Amino acid sequence: MADIKNNTQHEFLLSEYEQMFTEKRHTDGRFMYLVSLYFTIITISVSVFAAVYKPEGEQDKSTVFIFACVFMLVALFGMIIFSAMCFNRVNNVRAIRQINHIRKQYLDSFPDEHRPFIRNYIMIIDANRPRYHMLDSTHLVFIYSIAIFSSISMGVSFYLYPLLQVLTGNLTDTMPAIAIILSFLIQYLLLRWKLIKKDNEQGIGS
């Protein structure tokens, strides 16, 4: 007589496994879409700026102001993209961990003689891996890249048209650098709250 209970469990795990792989592919695709979208915007903005902008003294002030606003919008949009990428990273890791958990459920039942094969040729089966924050992950490379480019865009905006004109002297001159640092710090704190904190709560170092 067929073991209906085990067969049902097998079908459930197989269905869950397939759904998690679908989710992983979906989050990977969405991640790369966000990356390509932002870098396309950056490329277009810089290209138009390089073609239109003239040396100081020859440039119409209204044009400078428009470009300052454009780079400010690029920076703010980059921060939104950055946030979306962090949330997407969480969903991606959750899907991979579920896959690893299901894989472990199967592989734990294998006979001992198969252990060397599993250890050498099977992908990681730790349900607590991968970490949310992994510096050697392509996801994190792109996340930090977006943070850097959006911060630079913020600095460029302040450089082109100082928005806080009440400030004078050296403090005004340092506004672009301050804007870049604050923008990156805000994004890093968001990343730390969303990714690094999760690893620390689980006792997984970054």
Protein backbone atom coordinates (compact mmCIF):
# COMPACT_ATOMS: atom_id res chain seq x y z
CA MET A 1 0.00 0.00 0.00
CA ALA A 2 1.35 3.42 -0.97
CA ASP A 3 2.48 5.73 1.81
CA ILE A 4 0.03 8.55 1.16
CA LYS A 5 1.40 10.75 3.93
CA ASN A 6 5.00 10.62 2.70
CA ASN A 7 3.88 11.03 -0.89
CA THR A 8 1.90 14.14 0.06
CA GLN A 9 4.88 15.58 1.90
CA HIS A 10 7.10 14.86 -1.07
CA GLU A 11 4.72 16.62 -3.44
CA PHE A 12 4.43 19.59 -1.10
CA LEU A 13 8.20 19.98 -0.73
CA LEU A 14 8.70 19.61 -4.47
CA SER A 15 6.04 22.25 -5.15
CA GLU A 16 7.58 24.56 -2.55
CA TYR A 17 11.04 24.00 -4.03
CA GLU A 18 9.83 24.95 -7.50
CA GLN A 19 7.99 28.02 -6.20
CA MET A 20 11.06 29.24 -4.35
CA PHE A 21 13.20 28.88 -7.48
CA THR A 22 10.57 30.88 -9.35
CA GLU A 23 10.70 33.53 -6.63
CA LYS A 24 14.50 33.58 -6.77
CA ARG A 25 14.49 34.09 -10.53
CA HIS A 26 11.87 36.81 -10.14
CA THR A 27 13.85 38.74 -7.51
CA ASP A 28 17.07 38.36 -9.51
CA GLY A 29 15.35 39.71 -12.60
CA ARG A 30 13.78 42.59 -10.70
CA PHE A 31 17.14 43.41 -9.12
CA MET A 32 18.92 43.65 -12.46
CA TYR A 33 16.04 45.71 -13.88
CA LEU A 34 16.49 48.28 -11.09
CA VAL A 35 20.24 48.37 -11.67
CA SER A 36 19.92 48.85 -15.45
CA LEU A 37 17.18 51.46 -14.97
CA TYR A 38 19.26 53.63 -12.66
CA PHE A 39 22.48 53.36 -14.62
CA THR A 40 20.55 54.26 -17.79
CA ILE A 41 19.24 57.39 -16.07
CA ILE A 42 22.73 58.27 -14.82
CA THR A 43 24.26 57.79 -18.29
CA ILE A 44 21.64 59.92 -20.02
CA SER A 45 21.88 62.70 -17.41
CA VAL A 46 25.67 62.88 -17.55
CA SER A 47 25.74 62.68 -21.35
CA VAL A 48 23.26 65.55 -21.78
CA PHE A 49 25.09 67.58 -19.14
CA ALA A 50 28.46 67.05 -20.85
CA ALA A 51 26.98 68.09 -24.20
CA VAL A 52 25.23 71.23 -22.95
CA TYR A 53 27.26 72.52 -20.02
CA LYS A 54 29.82 75.24 -20.70
CA PRO A 55 32.65 76.62 -18.56
CA GLU A 56 31.67 78.88 -15.70
CA GLY A 57 30.88 82.41 -16.86
CA GLU A 58 29.53 81.32 -20.22
CA GLN A 59 26.66 79.19 -18.91
CA ASP A 60 23.14 80.54 -18.56
CA LYS A 61 22.09 80.49 -14.89
CA SER A 62 18.70 79.00 -15.66
CA THR A 63 20.38 76.07 -17.43
CA VAL A 64 22.65 75.50 -14.44
CA PHE A 65 19.62 75.54 -12.15
CA ILE A 66 17.80 73.02 -14.35
CA PHE A 67 20.75 70.65 -14.30
CA ALA A 68 21.04 71.09 -10.54
CA CYS A 69 17.40 70.04 -10.21
CA VAL A 70 17.93 67.11 -12.59
CA PHE A 71 20.86 65.76 -10.58
CA MET A 72 18.91 66.27 -7.36
CA LEU A 73 16.06 64.19 -8.80
CA VAL A 74 18.55 61.58 -9.99
CA ALA A 75 19.96 61.42 -6.45
CA LEU A 76 16.55 61.12 -4.81
CA PHE A 77 15.43 58.51 -7.33
CA GLY A 78 18.66 56.63 -6.65
CA MET A 79 17.82 56.52 -2.95
CA ILE A 80 14.40 55.08 -3.80
CA ILE A 81 16.03 52.49 -6.07
CA PHE A 82 18.52 51.72 -3.29
CA SER A 83 15.67 51.09 -0.83
CA ALA A 84 13.87 48.85 -3.31
CA MET A 85 17.07 46.86 -3.91
CA CYS A 86 17.54 46.31 -0.16
CA PHE A 87 13.99 44.98 0.22
CA ASN A 88 14.45 42.86 -2.90
CA ARG A 89 17.66 41.42 -1.44
CA VAL A 90 15.72 40.31 1.65
CA ASN A 91 13.13 38.49 -0.46
CA ASN A 92 15.86 36.90 -2.57
CA VAL A 93 17.74 35.58 0.46
CA ARG A 94 14.54 34.23 2.00
CA ALA A 95 13.82 32.27 -1.16
CA ILE A 96 17.36 30.85 -1.30
CA ARG A 97 17.26 29.89 2.37
CA GLN A 98 13.99 28.06 1.84
CA ILE A 99 15.56 26.21 -1.08
CA ASN A 100 18.52 25.27 1.12
CA HIS A 101 16.19 24.10 3.87
CA ILE A 102 14.24 21.85 1.52
CA ARG A 103 17.48 20.54 0.01
CA LYS A 104 18.75 19.74 3.51
CA GLN A 105 15.54 17.88 4.34
CA TYR A 106 16.20 15.54 1.43
CA LEU A 107 19.94 15.17 1.78
CA ASP A 108 19.81 14.39 5.51
CA SER A 109 18.01 11.18 4.68
CA PHE A 110 20.77 9.96 2.35
CA PRO A 111 22.94 7.04 3.50
CA ASP A 112 26.31 7.80 5.06
CA GLU A 113 28.21 6.52 2.04
CA HIS A 114 26.83 9.44 0.02
CA ARG A 115 28.16 12.06 2.45
CA PRO A 116 31.48 12.66 0.62
CA PHE A 117 29.59 13.27 -2.62
CA ILE A 118 27.15 15.63 -0.94
CA ARG A 119 29.94 17.52 0.80
CA ASN A 120 31.98 17.96 -2.39
CA TYR A 121 29.38 18.46 -5.11
CA ILE A 122 26.12 19.66 -3.60
CA MET A 123 25.52 23.37 -3.12
CA ILE A 124 25.29 24.82 0.36
CA ILE A 125 22.45 23.36 2.42
CA ASP A 126 22.65 25.62 5.47
CA ALA A 127 19.18 27.16 5.95
CA ASN A 128 20.81 30.22 7.57
CA ARG A 129 22.81 30.97 4.44
CA PRO A 130 23.42 33.08 2.48
CA ARG A 131 23.78 36.09 4.73
CA TYR A 132 21.66 39.11 3.95
CA HIS A 133 24.76 41.29 3.91
CA MET A 134 27.61 39.71 1.92
CA LEU A 135 30.26 42.03 0.54
CA ASP A 136 31.30 39.41 -2.02
CA SER A 137 27.76 39.20 -3.38
CA THR A 138 27.02 40.88 -6.71
CA HIS A 139 23.81 42.17 -5.14
CA LEU A 140 25.75 44.09 -2.52
CA VAL A 141 28.24 45.38 -5.10
CA PHE A 142 25.39 46.90 -7.08
CA ILE A 143 23.61 48.16 -3.95
CA TYR A 144 26.70 50.02 -2.78
CA SER A 145 27.32 51.30 -6.33
CA ILE A 146 23.85 52.82 -6.44
CA ALA A 147 24.48 54.43 -3.04
CA ILE A 148 27.75 55.94 -4.28
CA PHE A 149 26.35 57.25 -7.57
CA SER A 150 23.24 58.72 -5.99
CA SER A 151 25.40 60.42 -3.35
CA ILE A 152 27.69 61.87 -6.03
CA SER A 153 24.61 63.11 -7.91
CA MET A 154 23.48 64.87 -4.76
CA GLY A 155 26.90 66.51 -4.42
CA VAL A 156 26.89 67.62 -8.07
CA SER A 157 23.49 69.24 -7.56
CA PHE A 158 24.81 71.27 -4.63
CA TYR A 159 27.96 72.13 -6.57
CA LEU A 160 26.05 73.45 -9.58
CA TYR A 161 23.59 75.55 -7.66
CA PRO A 162 24.08 75.99 -3.90
CA LEU A 163 20.58 75.51 -2.51
CA LEU A 164 21.43 77.02 0.87
CA GLN A 165 22.53 80.45 -0.30
CA VAL A 166 22.29 81.91 3.21
CA LEU A 167 25.59 80.16 3.92
CA THR A 168 28.73 81.95 2.86
CA GLY A 169 32.47 81.38 2.60
CA ASN A 170 34.09 77.97 3.11
CA LEU A 171 30.93 76.39 4.52
CA THR A 172 29.14 76.99 1.23
CA ASP A 173 32.10 75.54 -0.66
CA THR A 174 31.95 72.38 1.44
CA MET A 175 28.21 71.81 0.88
CA PRO A 176 28.75 69.36 -2.03
CA ALA A 177 31.04 67.20 0.12
CA ILE A 178 28.63 67.38 3.06
CA ALA A 179 25.73 66.40 0.77
CA ILE A 180 27.65 63.39 -0.56
CA ILE A 181 28.58 62.18 2.93
CA LEU A 182 25.09 62.66 4.40
CA SER A 183 23.41 61.02 1.42
CA PHE A 184 25.66 57.96 1.61
CA LEU A 185 25.30 57.78 5.40
CA ILE A 186 21.50 57.78 5.18
CA GLN A 187 21.57 54.95 2.66
CA TYR A 188 24.11 52.96 4.67
CA LEU A 189 21.96 53.27 7.80
CA LEU A 190 19.00 51.95 5.82
CA LEU A 191 21.09 49.06 4.55
CA ARG A 192 22.34 48.34 8.07
CA TRP A 193 18.80 48.38 9.44
CA LYS A 194 17.44 46.15 6.68
CA LEU A 195 20.31 43.69 6.10
CA ILE A 196 23.11 43.76 8.66
CA LYS A 197 20.68 43.89 11.60
CA LYS A 198 19.00 40.71 10.39
CA ASP A 199 22.30 38.84 10.29
CA ASN A 200 23.25 40.10 13.75
CA GLU A 201 19.90 39.02 15.18
CA GLN A 202 20.59 35.51 13.92
CA GLY A 203 24.17 35.54 15.16
CA ILE A 204 25.57 35.55 11.64
CA GLY A 205 28.52 37.90 11.21
CA SER A 206 28.88 40.09 8.14
